[in-house]
Amino acid sequence: MSRQDFRKLIANFITLILLLVCLFIALSPRQAWAFLWQSRQKTITKYEHRSMPLRFGKVKAAGKLLELKAGPETQETQESREEFDADDDWMRGLAVNFTNMSGKNIVYIQMLLIFPETESAGPPLAFPMTYGRMPKDSNDRNYNNVLKPGEEVEITLTDDQYGKLLSFLKSRSFDKVSNVRLFLETAVFDDDIMWNGGDLWRRNPNAPNHWLPIK
């Protein structure tokens, strides 16, 4: 390294120190540290519908087992959340456990990862995490997985899915997110009944891709 390059390095370092000092002076030490900490703060919120055939269990993110604390509730839903400190790749390996509370076999589960920070561009972006396979019609019994009553399953965001999630967000001009909502959207039973968003549906025998509400 030449003497000129060394001088430039020292100058850049001094500039960085001065910027940090200015930040602390302008905001006060408490505000400055809060500003730096907030850039690492992450939040996971789960929404449980009271009619859900599955019960949320353990949630793991950023290598941590989280304890989501009960929050606001309505007549139909219960909200729980946790705030924690993590790097930008905090969703790699995200894992959510579910227990089948329905009394029937479940062959397909879809949970949505909803990103509230993306609402500025319209409806919030959502990315699916699934278990099993959606049967294509009433005669399709070749299930990939069957979750029996009382059994527990862990749904994990694999490295491949994590890469697809990043590509999905970047394609919509979001490089990173710090807030995610867990929302169980769909559970399909082996008797061709589907729970979706709080309601039960039965497959239309004349149109396998359509479902009829059960009243």
C-alpha atoms as a PDB file:
ATOM      1  CA  MET A   1       0.000   0.000   0.000  1.00  0.00           C
ATOM      2  CA  SER A   2       1.393   3.395  -0.995  1.00  0.00           C
ATOM      3  CA  ARG A   3       1.638   6.301   1.409  1.00  0.00           C
ATOM      4  CA  GLN A   4      -1.133   8.089  -0.557  1.00  0.00           C
ATOM      5  CA  ASP A   5      -3.482   5.088  -0.284  1.00  0.00           C
ATOM      6  CA  PHE A   6      -2.734   4.868   3.422  1.00  0.00           C
ATOM      7  CA  ARG A   7      -3.614   8.512   3.892  1.00  0.00           C
ATOM      8  CA  LYS A   8      -6.926   8.002   2.044  1.00  0.00           C
ATOM      9  CA  LEU A   9      -7.745   5.035   4.276  1.00  0.00           C
ATOM     10  CA  ILE A  10      -7.049   7.084   7.414  1.00  0.00           C
ATOM     11  CA  ALA A  11      -9.153   9.955   6.060  1.00  0.00           C
ATOM     12  CA  ASN A  12     -12.109   7.649   5.346  1.00  0.00           C
ATOM     13  CA  PHE A  13     -11.846   6.145   8.812  1.00  0.00           C
ATOM     14  CA  ILE A  14     -11.792   9.591  10.437  1.00  0.00           C
ATOM     15  CA  THR A  15     -14.805  10.622   8.341  1.00  0.00           C
ATOM     16  CA  LEU A  16     -16.731   7.567   9.555  1.00  0.00           C
ATOM     17  CA  ILE A  17     -15.867   8.349  13.182  1.00  0.00           C
ATOM     18  CA  LEU A  18     -17.018  11.943  12.734  1.00  0.00           C
ATOM     19  CA  LEU A  19     -20.309  10.810  11.209  1.00  0.00           C
ATOM     20  CA  LEU A  20     -20.943   8.526  14.165  1.00  0.00           C
ATOM     21  CA  VAL A  21     -20.121  11.333  16.579  1.00  0.00           C
ATOM     22  CA  CYS A  22     -22.536  13.648  14.738  1.00  0.00           C
ATOM     23  CA  LEU A  23     -25.220  10.996  14.920  1.00  0.00           C
ATOM     24  CA  PHE A  24     -24.820  10.703  18.687  1.00  0.00           C
ATOM     25  CA  ILE A  25     -24.782  14.504  19.108  1.00  0.00           C
ATOM     26  CA  ALA A  26     -27.846  15.038  16.917  1.00  0.00           C
ATOM     27  CA  LEU A  27     -29.958  12.246  18.373  1.00  0.00           C
ATOM     28  CA  SER A  28     -28.537  11.844  21.885  1.00  0.00           C
ATOM     29  CA  PRO A  29     -26.820   8.567  22.819  1.00  0.00           C
ATOM     30  CA  ARG A  30     -30.081   6.841  23.708  1.00  0.00           C
ATOM     31  CA  GLN A  31     -31.734   7.775  20.397  1.00  0.00           C
ATOM     32  CA  ALA A  32     -28.615   6.925  18.423  1.00  0.00           C
ATOM     33  CA  TRP A  33     -28.351   3.443  19.935  1.00  0.00           C
ATOM     34  CA  ALA A  34     -32.113   3.000  19.402  1.00  0.00           C
ATOM     35  CA  PHE A  35     -31.673   3.940  15.744  1.00  0.00           C
ATOM     36  CA  LEU A  36     -28.849   1.419  15.307  1.00  0.00           C
ATOM     37  CA  TRP A  37     -30.795  -1.297  17.156  1.00  0.00           C
ATOM     38  CA  GLN A  38     -34.008  -0.780  15.187  1.00  0.00           C
ATOM     39  CA  SER A  39     -32.167  -1.626  11.971  1.00  0.00           C
ATOM     40  CA  ARG A  40     -31.707  -5.150  13.429  1.00  0.00           C
ATOM     41  CA  GLN A  41     -35.095  -5.475  15.100  1.00  0.00           C
ATOM     42  CA  LYS A  42     -37.347  -8.178  13.622  1.00  0.00           C
ATOM     43  CA  THR A  43     -40.959  -9.087  14.377  1.00  0.00           C
ATOM     44  CA  ILE A  44     -42.985 -12.270  13.887  1.00  0.00           C
ATOM     45  CA  THR A  45     -46.739 -12.225  14.444  1.00  0.00           C
ATOM     46  CA  LYS A  46     -49.018 -15.248  14.187  1.00  0.00           C
ATOM     47  CA  TYR A  47     -52.766 -15.109  13.676  1.00  0.00           C
ATOM     48  CA  GLU A  48     -54.892 -18.008  14.933  1.00  0.00           C
ATOM     49  CA  HIS A  49     -58.514 -18.399  13.870  1.00  0.00           C
ATOM     50  CA  ARG A  50     -60.621 -20.018  16.577  1.00  0.00           C
ATOM     51  CA  SER A  51     -61.984 -22.598  14.094  1.00  0.00           C
ATOM     52  CA  MET A  52     -58.516 -23.662  12.894  1.00  0.00           C
ATOM     53  CA  PRO A  53     -58.113 -27.444  12.586  1.00  0.00           C
ATOM     54  CA  LEU A  54     -54.429 -26.997  13.465  1.00  0.00           C
ATOM     55  CA  ARG A  55     -52.754 -25.426  16.478  1.00  0.00           C
ATOM     56  CA  PHE A  56     -49.612 -23.357  16.166  1.00  0.00           C
ATOM     57  CA  GLY A  57     -46.638 -24.742  18.080  1.00  0.00           C
ATOM     58  CA  LYS A  58     -42.980 -23.791  18.187  1.00  0.00           C
ATOM     59  CA  VAL A  59     -41.673 -21.012  15.947  1.00  0.00           C
ATOM     60  CA  LYS A  60     -37.948 -20.807  15.158  1.00  0.00           C
ATOM     61  CA  ALA A  61     -36.183 -17.990  13.336  1.00  0.00           C
ATOM     62  CA  ALA A  62     -32.585 -16.719  13.195  1.00  0.00           C
ATOM     63  CA  GLY A  63     -31.516 -19.869  15.031  1.00  0.00           C
ATOM     64  CA  LYS A  64     -33.722 -18.992  18.005  1.00  0.00           C
ATOM     65  CA  LEU A  65     -36.751 -20.668  19.539  1.00  0.00           C
ATOM     66  CA  LEU A  66     -39.211 -17.803  19.946  1.00  0.00           C
ATOM     67  CA  GLU A  67     -41.862 -17.355  22.609  1.00  0.00           C
ATOM     68  CA  LEU A  68     -44.661 -15.449  20.907  1.00  0.00           C
ATOM     69  CA  LYS A  69     -46.660 -13.565  23.511  1.00  0.00           C
ATOM     70  CA  ALA A  70     -50.440 -13.320  23.363  1.00  0.00           C
ATOM     71  CA  GLY A  71     -51.697  -9.981  22.097  1.00  0.00           C
ATOM     72  CA  PRO A  72     -54.983  -8.534  20.816  1.00  0.00           C
ATOM     73  CA  GLU A  73     -57.871 -10.912  20.225  1.00  0.00           C
ATOM     74  CA  THR A  74     -61.280 -10.709  18.616  1.00  0.00           C
ATOM     75  CA  GLN A  75     -64.298 -12.965  18.609  1.00  0.00           C
ATOM     76  CA  GLU A  76     -62.679 -14.994  15.811  1.00  0.00           C
ATOM     77  CA  THR A  77     -58.894 -14.520  16.037  1.00  0.00           C
ATOM     78  CA  GLN A  78     -56.014 -14.454  18.521  1.00  0.00           C
ATOM     79  CA  GLU A  79     -52.786 -12.577  17.781  1.00  0.00           C
ATOM     80  CA  SER A  80     -49.363 -13.415  19.265  1.00  0.00           C
ATOM     81  CA  ARG A  81     -46.037 -11.768  18.490  1.00  0.00           C
ATOM     82  CA  GLU A  82     -42.349 -11.584  19.342  1.00  0.00           C
ATOM     83  CA  GLU A  83     -39.700  -8.931  18.662  1.00  0.00           C
ATOM     84  CA  PHE A  84     -36.042  -9.935  18.562  1.00  0.00           C
ATOM     85  CA  ASP A  85     -32.622  -8.870  17.305  1.00  0.00           C
ATOM     86  CA  ALA A  86     -31.288 -10.554  14.129  1.00  0.00           C
ATOM     87  CA  ASP A  87     -29.351 -10.059  10.885  1.00  0.00           C
ATOM     88  CA  ASP A  88     -30.923  -9.523   7.466  1.00  0.00           C
ATOM     89  CA  ASP A  89     -30.951 -13.268   6.679  1.00  0.00           C
ATOM     90  CA  TRP A  90     -33.145 -13.950   9.732  1.00  0.00           C
ATOM     91  CA  MET A  91     -35.789 -15.866   7.745  1.00  0.00           C
ATOM     92  CA  ARG A  92     -33.381 -18.509   6.460  1.00  0.00           C
ATOM     93  CA  GLY A  93     -34.469 -21.803   8.036  1.00  0.00           C
ATOM     94  CA  LEU A  94     -37.699 -20.348   9.471  1.00  0.00           C
ATOM     95  CA  ALA A  95     -39.659 -23.241  11.020  1.00  0.00           C
ATOM     96  CA  VAL A  96     -43.242 -23.426  12.304  1.00  0.00           C
ATOM     97  CA  ASN A  97     -44.821 -26.384  14.100  1.00  0.00           C
ATOM     98  CA  PHE A  98     -48.472 -27.392  13.821  1.00  0.00           C
ATOM     99  CA  THR A  99     -50.521 -30.010  15.688  1.00  0.00           C
ATOM    100  CA  ASN A 100     -53.593 -31.600  14.076  1.00  0.00           C
ATOM    101  CA  MET A 101     -56.527 -30.845  16.400  1.00  0.00           C
ATOM    102  CA  SER A 102     -59.287 -31.745  13.946  1.00  0.00           C
ATOM    103  CA  GLY A 103     -59.944 -35.423  14.595  1.00  0.00           C
ATOM    104  CA  LYS A 104     -59.425 -36.121  10.860  1.00  0.00           C
ATOM    105  CA  ASN A 105     -56.429 -36.838   8.638  1.00  0.00           C
ATOM    106  CA  ILE A 106     -54.932 -33.737   6.997  1.00  0.00           C
ATOM    107  CA  VAL A 107     -53.174 -34.195   3.653  1.00  0.00           C
ATOM    108  CA  TYR A 108     -52.343 -30.610   2.692  1.00  0.00           C
ATOM    109  CA  ILE A 109     -51.490 -27.437   4.618  1.00  0.00           C
ATOM    110  CA  GLN A 110     -50.734 -23.974   3.273  1.00  0.00           C
ATOM    111  CA  MET A 111     -49.468 -21.213   5.536  1.00  0.00           C
ATOM    112  CA  LEU A 112     -48.815 -17.727   4.196  1.00  0.00           C
ATOM    113  CA  LEU A 113     -45.899 -15.481   5.121  1.00  0.00           C
ATOM    114  CA  ILE A 114     -47.409 -12.002   4.867  1.00  0.00           C
ATOM    115  CA  PHE A 115     -45.120  -8.958   4.751  1.00  0.00           C
ATOM    116  CA  PRO A 116     -46.871  -5.809   6.067  1.00  0.00           C
ATOM    117  CA  GLU A 117     -43.974  -3.538   5.043  1.00  0.00           C
ATOM    118  CA  THR A 118     -44.938  -4.105   1.400  1.00  0.00           C
ATOM    119  CA  GLU A 119     -48.408  -2.577   1.835  1.00  0.00           C
ATOM    120  CA  SER A 120     -47.085   0.755   0.548  1.00  0.00           C
ATOM    121  CA  ALA A 121     -47.147  -0.749  -2.957  1.00  0.00           C
ATOM    122  CA  GLY A 122     -50.685  -2.164  -2.646  1.00  0.00           C
ATOM    123  CA  PRO A 123     -51.975  -5.329  -0.950  1.00  0.00           C
ATOM    124  CA  PRO A 124     -49.220  -6.909   1.189  1.00  0.00           C
ATOM    125  CA  LEU A 125     -47.055  -9.495  -0.511  1.00  0.00           C
ATOM    126  CA  ALA A 126     -47.498 -13.105   0.631  1.00  0.00           C
ATOM    127  CA  PHE A 127     -45.341 -16.201   0.156  1.00  0.00           C
ATOM    128  CA  PRO A 128     -46.624 -19.766   0.761  1.00  0.00           C
ATOM    129  CA  MET A 129     -45.137 -22.510   2.921  1.00  0.00           C
ATOM    130  CA  THR A 130     -46.778 -25.911   2.431  1.00  0.00           C
ATOM    131  CA  TYR A 131     -47.019 -29.464   3.753  1.00  0.00           C
ATOM    132  CA  GLY A 132     -48.212 -32.395   1.658  1.00  0.00           C
ATOM    133  CA  ARG A 133     -49.931 -32.070  -1.705  1.00  0.00           C
ATOM    134  CA  MET A 134     -53.306 -30.710  -2.772  1.00  0.00           C
ATOM    135  CA  PRO A 135     -55.320 -33.668  -4.234  1.00  0.00           C
ATOM    136  CA  LYS A 136     -56.304 -32.909  -7.840  1.00  0.00           C
ATOM    137  CA  ASP A 137     -59.739 -34.577  -7.521  1.00  0.00           C
ATOM    138  CA  SER A 138     -61.821 -36.884  -5.301  1.00  0.00           C
ATOM    139  CA  ASN A 139     -60.123 -40.018  -6.664  1.00  0.00           C
ATOM    140  CA  ASP A 140     -56.596 -38.746  -6.028  1.00  0.00           C
ATOM    141  CA  ARG A 141     -55.533 -40.693  -2.941  1.00  0.00           C
ATOM    142  CA  ASN A 142     -51.791 -40.850  -3.564  1.00  0.00           C
ATOM    143  CA  TYR A 143     -50.952 -38.470  -0.725  1.00  0.00           C
ATOM    144  CA  ASN A 144     -47.382 -37.294  -0.187  1.00  0.00           C
ATOM    145  CA  ASN A 145     -47.956 -36.945   3.547  1.00  0.00           C
ATOM    146  CA  VAL A 146     -50.756 -37.593   6.014  1.00  0.00           C
ATOM    147  CA  LEU A 147     -50.946 -35.752   9.338  1.00  0.00           C
ATOM    148  CA  LYS A 148     -53.087 -37.846  11.668  1.00  0.00           C
ATOM    149  CA  PRO A 149     -55.144 -36.466  14.572  1.00  0.00           C
ATOM    150  CA  GLY A 150     -52.886 -35.422  17.438  1.00  0.00           C
ATOM    151  CA  GLU A 151     -49.708 -35.576  15.347  1.00  0.00           C
ATOM    152  CA  GLU A 152     -47.305 -32.657  15.003  1.00  0.00           C
ATOM    153  CA  VAL A 153     -45.408 -31.473  11.940  1.00  0.00           C
ATOM    154  CA  GLU A 154     -42.688 -28.866  11.395  1.00  0.00           C
ATOM    155  CA  ILE A 155     -42.921 -26.789   8.220  1.00  0.00           C
ATOM    156  CA  THR A 156     -39.521 -25.334   7.325  1.00  0.00           C
ATOM    157  CA  LEU A 157     -38.405 -22.690   4.849  1.00  0.00           C
ATOM    158  CA  THR A 158     -35.648 -24.596   3.049  1.00  0.00           C
ATOM    159  CA  ASP A 159     -32.592 -22.915   1.504  1.00  0.00           C
ATOM    160  CA  ASP A 160     -34.158 -23.350  -1.939  1.00  0.00           C
ATOM    161  CA  GLN A 161     -37.444 -21.777  -0.794  1.00  0.00           C
ATOM    162  CA  TYR A 162     -35.535 -18.999   0.974  1.00  0.00           C
ATOM    163  CA  GLY A 163     -33.782 -18.170  -2.296  1.00  0.00           C
ATOM    164  CA  LYS A 164     -37.139 -18.079  -4.090  1.00  0.00           C
ATOM    165  CA  LEU A 165     -38.528 -15.827  -1.361  1.00  0.00           C
ATOM    166  CA  LEU A 166     -35.658 -13.348  -1.801  1.00  0.00           C
ATOM    167  CA  SER A 167     -36.127 -13.373  -5.580  1.00  0.00           C
ATOM    168  CA  PHE A 168     -39.883 -12.868  -5.102  1.00  0.00           C
ATOM    169  CA  LEU A 169     -39.332  -9.836  -2.853  1.00  0.00           C
ATOM    170  CA  LYS A 170     -36.591  -8.334  -5.049  1.00  0.00           C
ATOM    171  CA  SER A 171     -38.754  -8.700  -8.158  1.00  0.00           C
ATOM    172  CA  ARG A 172     -41.158  -6.344  -6.421  1.00  0.00           C
ATOM    173  CA  SER A 173     -38.424  -3.911  -5.341  1.00  0.00           C
ATOM    174  CA  PHE A 174     -38.007  -5.088  -1.735  1.00  0.00           C
ATOM    175  CA  ASP A 175     -34.452  -6.106  -0.824  1.00  0.00           C
ATOM    176  CA  LYS A 176     -35.225  -7.076   2.758  1.00  0.00           C
ATOM    177  CA  VAL A 177     -38.027  -7.201   5.314  1.00  0.00           C
ATOM    178  CA  SER A 178     -38.083  -7.071   9.103  1.00  0.00           C
ATOM    179  CA  ASN A 179     -41.687  -8.015   9.824  1.00  0.00           C
ATOM    180  CA  VAL A 180     -43.678 -11.139   8.914  1.00  0.00           C
ATOM    181  CA  ARG A 181     -47.154 -12.405   9.778  1.00  0.00           C
ATOM    182  CA  LEU A 182     -47.890 -16.134   9.932  1.00  0.00           C
ATOM    183  CA  PHE A 183     -51.362 -16.952   8.643  1.00  0.00           C
ATOM    184  CA  LEU A 184     -52.773 -20.448   8.206  1.00  0.00           C
ATOM    185  CA  GLU A 185     -54.790 -20.203   4.999  1.00  0.00           C
ATOM    186  CA  THR A 186     -55.753 -23.765   4.045  1.00  0.00           C
ATOM    187  CA  ALA A 187     -56.006 -27.318   5.399  1.00  0.00           C
ATOM    188  CA  VAL A 188     -57.371 -30.159   3.258  1.00  0.00           C
ATOM    189  CA  PHE A 189     -58.661 -33.385   4.818  1.00  0.00           C
ATOM    190  CA  ASP A 190     -58.610 -36.866   3.272  1.00  0.00           C
ATOM    191  CA  ASP A 191     -62.437 -36.816   2.952  1.00  0.00           C
ATOM    192  CA  ASP A 192     -62.314 -34.019   0.340  1.00  0.00           C
ATOM    193  CA  ILE A 193     -63.277 -31.303   2.814  1.00  0.00           C
ATOM    194  CA  MET A 194     -61.216 -28.104   2.948  1.00  0.00           C
ATOM    195  CA  TRP A 195     -60.873 -25.562   5.747  1.00  0.00           C
ATOM    196  CA  ASN A 196     -60.039 -22.164   4.275  1.00  0.00           C
ATOM    197  CA  GLY A 197     -59.773 -18.912   6.206  1.00  0.00           C
ATOM    198  CA  GLY A 198     -62.339 -19.951   8.818  1.00  0.00           C
ATOM    199  CA  ASP A 199     -64.892 -21.714   6.590  1.00  0.00           C
ATOM    200  CA  LEU A 200     -65.433 -25.322   5.468  1.00  0.00           C
ATOM    201  CA  TRP A 201     -65.747 -26.248   1.804  1.00  0.00           C
ATOM    202  CA  ARG A 202     -66.559 -29.434  -0.117  1.00  0.00           C
ATOM    203  CA  ARG A 203     -65.115 -30.203  -3.552  1.00  0.00           C
ATOM    204  CA  ASN A 204     -67.598 -29.889  -6.422  1.00  0.00           C
ATOM    205  CA  PRO A 205     -67.769 -33.430  -7.917  1.00  0.00           C
ATOM    206  CA  ASN A 206     -68.594 -31.963 -11.334  1.00  0.00           C
ATOM    207  CA  ALA A 207     -65.746 -29.416 -11.265  1.00  0.00           C
ATOM    208  CA  PRO A 208     -62.769 -30.715  -9.210  1.00  0.00           C
ATOM    209  CA  ASN A 209     -61.043 -27.332  -9.138  1.00  0.00           C
ATOM    210  CA  HIS A 210     -64.035 -25.655  -7.531  1.00  0.00           C
ATOM    211  CA  TRP A 211     -65.204 -25.897  -3.931  1.00  0.00           C
ATOM    212  CA  LEU A 212     -68.689 -25.398  -2.525  1.00  0.00           C
ATOM    213  CA  PRO A 213     -69.306 -23.796   0.888  1.00  0.00           C
ATOM    214  CA  ILE A 214     -70.669 -26.056   3.626  1.00  0.00           C
ATOM    215  CA  LYS A 215     -73.445 -24.220   5.441  1.00  0.00           C
END
